Amino acid sequence: MSTTRRSTFRRDGETGRQGDKEIEVVNRQRLCAVDREVVVKLARAALDRIGHQDAALTITFIRDRAMRRLNRDYRGIDKPTDVLSFTYHEGEEIVAPEMESRHLGDVVISVETAGRYARELGLTFDREIAHLVIHGALHLAGYDHETDDGEMNKIEGKLRKELLK
């Protein structure tokens, strides 16, 4: 039996596929409930506000064991982390009209690490997930808080204020 469940959201508010404008949510864990509709709407709103109205992405929820493996294999860090972003078009201009695919890439979130961080920060699990969705979407859109002199942090703070009321 597969634990993979998918949910997508079209620009017109209907659930389903609509070409490159799709936000897909894949749940590969059973530990924590994730409100797919909320995640999809938040990711879409964040992308819209940063000028990526036609962009698509996939958000996958996993547990620490799988996240540790990804973090080790792709970053050389042998421990789980809360969120990883895997861009499809690194170094390319993402919004170029001639691009065939506007799928930015994948955001992967560990629900176990997110839950621990939420408790440490005094946040709800859902609020921490919302922070990670915004953070991951910004990384896929080309922002990097480690190299951009605070630009990503400013945009992320603004999006949190606007979208997480």
Protein backbone atom coordinates (compact mmCIF):
# COMPACT_ATOMS: atom_id res chain seq x y z
CA MET A 1 0.00 0.00 0.00
CA SER A 2 1.40 3.38 -0.98
CA THR A 3 1.46 6.30 1.44
CA THR A 4 1.87 8.78 -1.38
CA ARG A 5 -1.06 11.12 -1.71
CA ARG A 6 -1.21 13.99 -4.15
CA SER A 7 -3.16 17.19 -4.19
CA THR A 8 -3.00 19.96 -6.74
CA PHE A 9 -4.53 23.39 -7.00
CA ARG A 10 -5.40 25.29 -10.15
CA ARG A 11 -5.30 29.06 -10.50
CA ASP A 12 -9.09 29.18 -10.70
CA GLY A 13 -9.41 27.56 -7.27
CA GLU A 14 -10.41 24.11 -8.50
CA THR A 15 -8.53 21.02 -7.45
CA GLY A 16 -6.79 19.29 -10.35
CA ARG A 17 -4.14 19.86 -13.00
CA GLN A 18 -3.59 22.95 -15.07
CA GLY A 19 -0.35 22.63 -16.96
CA ASP A 20 2.61 24.48 -15.53
CA LYS A 21 0.63 26.38 -12.88
CA GLU A 22 0.33 23.32 -10.70
CA ILE A 23 1.34 23.10 -7.08
CA GLU A 24 1.58 19.46 -6.11
CA VAL A 25 1.68 18.13 -2.56
CA VAL A 26 3.01 14.64 -1.92
CA ASN A 27 2.65 13.16 1.55
CA ARG A 28 5.06 10.27 2.20
CA GLN A 29 4.53 10.09 5.95
CA ARG A 30 1.72 9.27 8.37
CA LEU A 31 3.05 10.84 11.56
CA CYS A 32 1.50 14.31 11.21
CA ALA A 33 -1.61 15.54 9.46
CA VAL A 34 -0.88 18.09 6.75
CA ASP A 35 -3.63 20.30 5.32
CA ARG A 36 -2.82 20.00 1.62
CA GLU A 37 -5.24 22.70 0.53
CA VAL A 38 -3.70 25.25 2.89
CA VAL A 39 -0.17 24.30 1.75
CA VAL A 40 -1.10 24.61 -1.92
CA LYS A 41 -2.81 27.98 -1.49
CA LEU A 42 0.09 29.35 0.55
CA ALA A 43 2.71 28.23 -1.98
CA ARG A 44 0.67 29.70 -4.84
CA ALA A 45 0.21 33.01 -3.01
CA ALA A 46 3.92 33.23 -2.19
CA LEU A 47 4.92 32.55 -5.81
CA ASP A 48 2.36 35.05 -7.09
CA ARG A 49 3.66 37.80 -4.80
CA ILE A 50 7.27 37.37 -5.91
CA GLY A 51 6.41 37.51 -9.60
CA HIS A 52 6.21 33.80 -10.43
CA GLN A 53 2.52 33.57 -11.26
CA ASP A 54 3.01 30.85 -13.86
CA ALA A 55 5.47 28.78 -11.84
CA ALA A 56 4.81 25.31 -10.47
CA LEU A 57 6.48 23.28 -7.77
CA THR A 58 6.14 20.09 -5.77
CA ILE A 59 6.11 19.95 -1.97
CA THR A 60 6.83 16.58 -0.37
CA PHE A 61 6.39 15.73 3.31
CA ILE A 62 8.63 13.02 4.74
CA ARG A 63 10.06 11.79 8.06
CA ASP A 64 13.52 12.34 9.53
CA ARG A 65 15.02 9.08 8.31
CA ALA A 66 14.38 9.95 4.65
CA MET A 67 15.41 13.58 5.20
CA ARG A 68 18.68 12.50 6.80
CA ARG A 69 19.44 10.41 3.72
CA LEU A 70 18.70 13.33 1.37
CA ASN A 71 20.71 15.78 3.45
CA ARG A 72 23.66 13.36 3.55
CA ASP A 73 23.52 12.55 -0.16
CA TYR A 74 23.06 16.09 -1.46
CA ARG A 75 24.70 18.31 1.16
CA GLY A 76 27.15 15.98 2.88
CA ILE A 77 25.48 16.59 6.27
CA ASP A 78 24.60 13.33 8.02
CA LYS A 79 21.57 14.51 10.01
CA PRO A 80 18.01 15.50 9.21
CA THR A 81 17.04 19.08 8.48
CA ASP A 82 13.66 20.79 8.32
CA VAL A 83 13.52 21.72 4.62
CA LEU A 84 15.48 21.11 1.44
CA SER A 85 14.89 22.67 -1.96
CA PHE A 86 15.88 21.04 -5.24
CA THR A 87 15.69 23.46 -8.15
CA TYR A 88 15.21 22.28 -11.73
CA HIS A 89 16.64 25.37 -13.41
CA GLU A 90 19.64 26.40 -11.33
CA GLY A 91 21.46 29.30 -12.94
CA GLU A 92 18.77 29.82 -15.58
CA GLU A 93 16.34 32.72 -15.84
CA ILE A 94 13.20 31.04 -14.49
CA VAL A 95 10.59 33.44 -15.82
CA ALA A 96 11.81 33.53 -19.42
CA PRO A 97 8.75 33.09 -21.67
CA GLU A 98 10.58 30.74 -24.01
CA MET A 99 11.13 28.19 -21.28
CA GLU A 100 9.17 25.04 -21.91
CA SER A 101 8.69 24.19 -18.24
CA ARG A 102 8.02 26.63 -15.44
CA HIS A 103 8.28 23.89 -12.83
CA LEU A 104 10.77 25.38 -10.38
CA GLY A 105 11.58 22.17 -8.52
CA ASP A 106 10.85 20.34 -5.30
CA VAL A 107 10.55 21.42 -1.68
CA VAL A 108 10.99 18.56 0.80
CA ILE A 109 9.90 19.04 4.42
CA SER A 110 10.57 16.72 7.36
CA VAL A 111 7.52 16.77 9.62
CA GLU A 112 9.51 15.44 12.58
CA THR A 113 12.16 18.16 12.47
CA ALA A 114 9.50 20.79 11.75
CA GLY A 115 7.59 19.60 14.81
CA ARG A 116 10.69 19.83 17.02
CA TYR A 117 11.50 23.33 15.76
CA ALA A 118 7.88 24.42 16.26
CA ARG A 119 8.00 23.31 19.90
CA GLU A 120 11.38 25.02 20.46
CA LEU A 121 10.13 28.27 18.91
CA GLY A 122 6.72 28.19 20.61
CA LEU A 123 4.88 27.89 17.28
CA THR A 124 2.12 25.58 16.18
CA PHE A 125 3.09 22.77 13.83
CA ASP A 126 0.95 24.33 11.08
CA ARG A 127 2.66 27.71 11.47
CA GLU A 128 6.11 26.12 11.21
CA ILE A 129 5.02 24.22 8.08
CA ALA A 130 3.79 27.52 6.61
CA HIS A 131 7.18 29.14 7.31
CA LEU A 132 8.96 26.24 5.61
CA VAL A 133 6.68 26.34 2.55
CA ILE A 134 7.44 30.04 2.05
CA HIS A 135 11.16 29.49 2.71
CA GLY A 136 11.38 26.59 0.27
CA ALA A 137 9.46 28.43 -2.46
CA LEU A 138 11.83 31.39 -2.17
CA HIS A 139 14.83 29.12 -2.56
CA LEU A 140 13.31 27.58 -5.69
CA ALA A 141 12.72 31.07 -7.07
CA GLY A 142 16.45 31.74 -6.79
CA TYR A 143 16.83 33.44 -3.40
CA ASP A 144 19.65 32.35 -1.09
CA HIS A 145 19.83 33.72 2.46
CA GLU A 146 23.43 32.55 2.77
CA THR A 147 24.68 34.82 -0.04
CA ASP A 148 22.21 37.66 -0.64
CA ASP A 149 22.96 40.11 2.21
CA GLY A 150 19.54 39.71 3.81
CA GLU A 151 17.35 40.08 0.70
CA MET A 152 15.67 36.69 1.13
CA ASN A 153 15.09 37.29 4.84
CA LYS A 154 13.37 40.63 4.10
CA ILE A 155 11.12 39.10 1.44
CA GLU A 156 10.36 36.10 3.65
CA GLY A 157 9.41 38.37 6.56
CA LYS A 158 7.14 40.43 4.32
CA LEU A 159 5.45 37.31 2.92
CA ARG A 160 4.88 35.96 6.42
CA LYS A 161 3.21 39.23 7.47
CA GLU A 162 1.01 39.29 4.37
CA LEU A 163 0.10 35.61 4.14
CA LEU A 164 0.12 34.26 7.71
CA LYS A 165 -2.52 36.24 9.55
